[in-house]
């Protein structure tokens, strides 16, 4: 029978879980990606608000560092974070470590591309929508490519965003080849 953890023990376990996830991803992650992985898609940290607070507690404790800008903040392990994890990771149950490792191995590229390709839209006074599509290089917080288009409806804007997420590399390559002489 599994023993019930105290609140303090659960917080320590949740922090170790987050450190383990970020370590296994091997790239800095946005706050949204961390929340998505740890709390939304998986139930590794049950409370979404606790998960959000843990990110900032780990930064305050200097186990994570924040890089980037207001538009795109990334979180990664510090040396102290790696040291802490190396000494305490066995406190995470083996089954949980295996589950996390398997999930991240299967979803690493999806997480990476969700951070590299972003898309937003905003409504104009005339009822149309401005759609902003961006491509980021890994570890760089300013976009390397930005495309702004005007969509006639919200449905069209959403459709452009959906297509961007699957076709961004192809679209970028086509535009780059048409505009930049690589000879």
Protein backbone atom coordinates (compact mmCIF):
# COMPACT_ATOMS: atom_id res chain seq x y z
CA UNK A 1 0.00 0.00 0.00
CA UNK A 2 1.32 3.40 -1.03
CA UNK A 3 1.76 5.86 1.80
CA UNK A 4 0.19 9.31 1.61
CA UNK A 5 2.73 12.11 1.31
CA UNK A 6 2.63 15.22 3.47
CA UNK A 7 2.14 18.53 1.66
CA UNK A 8 5.83 19.33 2.08
CA UNK A 9 6.90 15.94 0.69
CA UNK A 10 4.53 16.38 -2.28
CA UNK A 11 6.00 19.80 -3.08
CA UNK A 12 9.54 18.36 -3.01
CA UNK A 13 8.42 15.50 -5.28
CA UNK A 14 6.73 17.96 -7.66
CA UNK A 15 9.88 20.11 -7.83
CA UNK A 16 12.02 17.07 -8.55
CA UNK A 17 9.54 15.99 -11.22
CA UNK A 18 9.83 19.37 -12.93
CA UNK A 19 13.63 19.35 -12.74
CA UNK A 20 13.64 15.82 -14.18
CA UNK A 21 11.33 16.84 -17.06
CA UNK A 22 13.42 19.88 -17.98
CA UNK A 23 16.63 17.85 -17.76
CA UNK A 24 15.26 15.08 -19.99
CA UNK A 25 13.96 17.56 -22.60
CA UNK A 26 17.54 18.76 -23.14
CA UNK A 27 16.38 22.18 -24.39
CA UNK A 28 15.13 25.25 -22.54
CA UNK A 29 11.34 25.29 -22.29
CA UNK A 30 8.72 28.03 -22.24
CA UNK A 31 6.48 28.26 -19.20
CA UNK A 32 3.56 27.11 -21.34
CA UNK A 33 5.48 24.01 -22.46
CA UNK A 34 6.39 23.13 -18.87
CA UNK A 35 2.79 23.57 -17.71
CA UNK A 36 1.51 21.59 -20.67
CA UNK A 37 3.90 18.68 -20.10
CA UNK A 38 3.75 18.50 -16.31
CA UNK A 39 0.18 19.44 -15.49
CA UNK A 40 -2.15 19.53 -18.49
CA UNK A 41 -1.24 16.56 -20.69
CA UNK A 42 0.11 14.51 -17.82
CA UNK A 43 -0.91 14.42 -14.21
CA UNK A 44 2.64 14.51 -12.86
CA UNK A 45 1.96 17.77 -11.01
CA UNK A 46 -1.73 17.64 -10.25
CA UNK A 47 -2.48 21.30 -9.52
CA UNK A 48 -1.91 23.71 -12.43
CA UNK A 49 -1.40 26.71 -10.11
CA UNK A 50 1.11 24.76 -8.00
CA UNK A 51 2.96 23.87 -11.19
CA UNK A 52 3.12 27.54 -12.17
CA UNK A 53 4.37 28.50 -8.69
CA UNK A 54 7.00 25.74 -8.72
CA UNK A 55 8.58 27.15 -11.88
CA UNK A 56 9.13 30.49 -10.16
CA UNK A 57 10.21 28.88 -6.87
CA UNK A 58 12.89 26.95 -8.76
CA UNK A 59 14.07 30.18 -10.42
CA UNK A 60 14.15 31.95 -7.03
CA UNK A 61 16.11 28.99 -5.61
CA UNK A 62 18.56 29.26 -8.54
CA UNK A 63 17.81 25.70 -9.67
CA UNK A 64 16.35 27.06 -12.92
CA UNK A 65 17.34 30.15 -14.82
CA UNK A 66 15.22 32.30 -17.05
CA UNK A 67 16.50 33.54 -20.38
CA UNK A 68 14.91 35.41 -23.22
CA UNK A 69 12.60 38.39 -23.28
CA UNK A 70 9.00 39.27 -22.42
CA UNK A 71 7.81 37.82 -25.71
CA UNK A 72 9.50 34.46 -25.20
CA UNK A 73 10.95 33.46 -21.85
CA UNK A 74 12.75 30.14 -21.64
CA UNK A 75 13.60 28.12 -18.54
CA UNK A 76 16.57 25.78 -18.20
CA UNK A 77 18.48 24.00 -15.45
CA UNK A 78 21.32 25.77 -13.72
CA UNK A 79 24.43 23.92 -12.64
CA UNK A 80 22.94 23.84 -9.12
CA UNK A 81 19.71 22.41 -10.56
CA UNK A 82 21.60 19.59 -12.24
CA UNK A 83 23.54 18.90 -9.05
CA UNK A 84 20.36 18.85 -6.96
CA UNK A 85 18.68 16.49 -9.41
CA UNK A 86 21.69 14.18 -9.57
CA UNK A 87 21.62 13.77 -5.79
CA UNK A 88 17.85 13.47 -5.34
CA UNK A 89 16.36 12.00 -8.53
CA UNK A 90 16.03 8.58 -6.89
CA UNK A 91 13.34 10.06 -4.68
CA UNK A 92 11.19 10.01 -7.80
CA UNK A 93 9.68 6.55 -8.09
CA UNK A 94 11.29 4.47 -10.83
CA UNK A 95 7.93 3.98 -12.58
CA UNK A 96 7.39 7.75 -12.74
CA UNK A 97 10.91 8.34 -14.13
CA UNK A 98 10.25 5.70 -16.78
CA UNK A 99 6.85 7.19 -17.65
CA UNK A 100 8.33 10.69 -17.99
CA UNK A 101 11.26 9.45 -20.08
CA UNK A 102 8.98 7.50 -22.42
CA UNK A 103 6.57 10.44 -22.84
CA UNK A 104 9.37 12.92 -23.55
CA UNK A 105 11.07 10.60 -26.01
CA UNK A 106 7.80 10.19 -27.92
CA UNK A 107 6.85 13.90 -27.78
CA UNK A 108 10.18 15.78 -27.82
CA UNK A 109 9.82 16.91 -31.45
CA UNK A 110 6.24 18.08 -30.91
CA UNK A 111 7.27 20.14 -27.89
CA UNK A 112 10.25 21.55 -29.74
CA UNK A 113 8.19 22.53 -32.79
CA UNK A 114 5.45 24.07 -30.64
CA UNK A 115 8.12 26.39 -29.25
CA UNK A 116 9.69 27.08 -32.64
CA UNK A 117 6.49 27.90 -34.56
CA UNK A 118 4.08 30.37 -33.01
CA UNK A 119 0.95 31.96 -34.34
CA UNK A 120 -1.49 34.52 -32.97
CA UNK A 121 -4.29 36.63 -34.33
CA UNK A 122 -6.05 39.84 -33.37
CA UNK A 123 -9.29 41.38 -34.56
CA UNK A 124 -9.27 44.59 -36.60
CA UNK A 125 -11.88 47.34 -36.41
CA UNK A 126 -13.22 46.34 -39.85
CA UNK A 127 -13.95 42.77 -38.67
CA UNK A 128 -10.95 41.19 -40.36
CA UNK A 129 -8.10 39.56 -38.44
CA UNK A 130 -4.35 40.14 -38.43
CA UNK A 131 -2.50 36.83 -38.20
CA UNK A 132 1.11 36.88 -37.02
CA UNK A 133 3.16 33.77 -37.80
CA UNK A 134 6.67 33.33 -36.37
CA UNK A 135 9.57 30.92 -36.47
CA UNK A 136 12.13 30.86 -33.67
CA UNK A 137 15.49 29.17 -33.67
CA UNK A 138 16.03 26.92 -30.66
CA UNK A 139 17.65 28.80 -27.77
CA UNK A 140 17.08 32.17 -29.49
CA UNK A 141 14.28 34.32 -28.13
CA UNK A 142 13.82 36.72 -31.02
CA UNK A 143 12.01 35.38 -34.08
CA UNK A 144 14.12 34.65 -37.15
CA UNK A 145 11.07 34.90 -39.41
CA UNK A 146 7.80 36.82 -39.02
CA UNK A 147 4.92 36.76 -41.47
CA UNK A 148 1.87 38.99 -41.03
CA UNK A 149 -1.25 38.31 -43.07
CA UNK A 150 -4.79 39.63 -43.02
CA UNK A 151 -7.61 37.09 -42.80
CA UNK A 152 -11.22 37.97 -43.65
CA UNK A 153 -12.75 36.03 -40.74
CA UNK A 154 -11.95 34.41 -37.43
CA UNK A 155 -12.40 31.00 -39.04
CA UNK A 156 -9.84 31.90 -41.72
CA UNK A 157 -7.42 33.15 -39.04
CA UNK A 158 -7.77 29.90 -37.08
CA UNK A 159 -7.31 27.89 -40.27
CA UNK A 160 -4.10 29.81 -41.08
CA UNK A 161 -2.78 29.15 -37.57
CA UNK A 162 -3.58 25.44 -37.82
CA UNK A 163 -1.90 25.15 -41.23
CA UNK A 164 1.12 27.13 -39.99
CA UNK A 165 1.79 24.64 -37.22
CA UNK A 166 2.11 21.79 -39.72
CA UNK A 167 3.56 23.64 -42.74
CA UNK A 168 5.86 26.32 -41.27
CA UNK A 169 9.15 24.70 -42.35
CA UNK A 170 7.96 24.19 -45.92
CA UNK A 171 6.55 27.72 -46.20
CA UNK A 172 9.72 29.25 -44.77
CA UNK A 173 11.95 27.23 -47.10
CA UNK A 174 9.91 28.26 -50.15
CA UNK A 175 9.99 31.96 -49.23
CA UNK A 176 13.69 31.83 -48.34
CA UNK A 177 14.60 30.18 -51.66
CA UNK A 178 12.56 32.76 -53.61
CA UNK A 179 14.07 35.77 -51.82
CA UNK A 180 17.63 34.81 -50.92
CA UNK A 181 20.25 33.88 -53.49
CA UNK A 182 22.13 30.92 -52.02
CA UNK A 183 24.65 30.57 -54.88
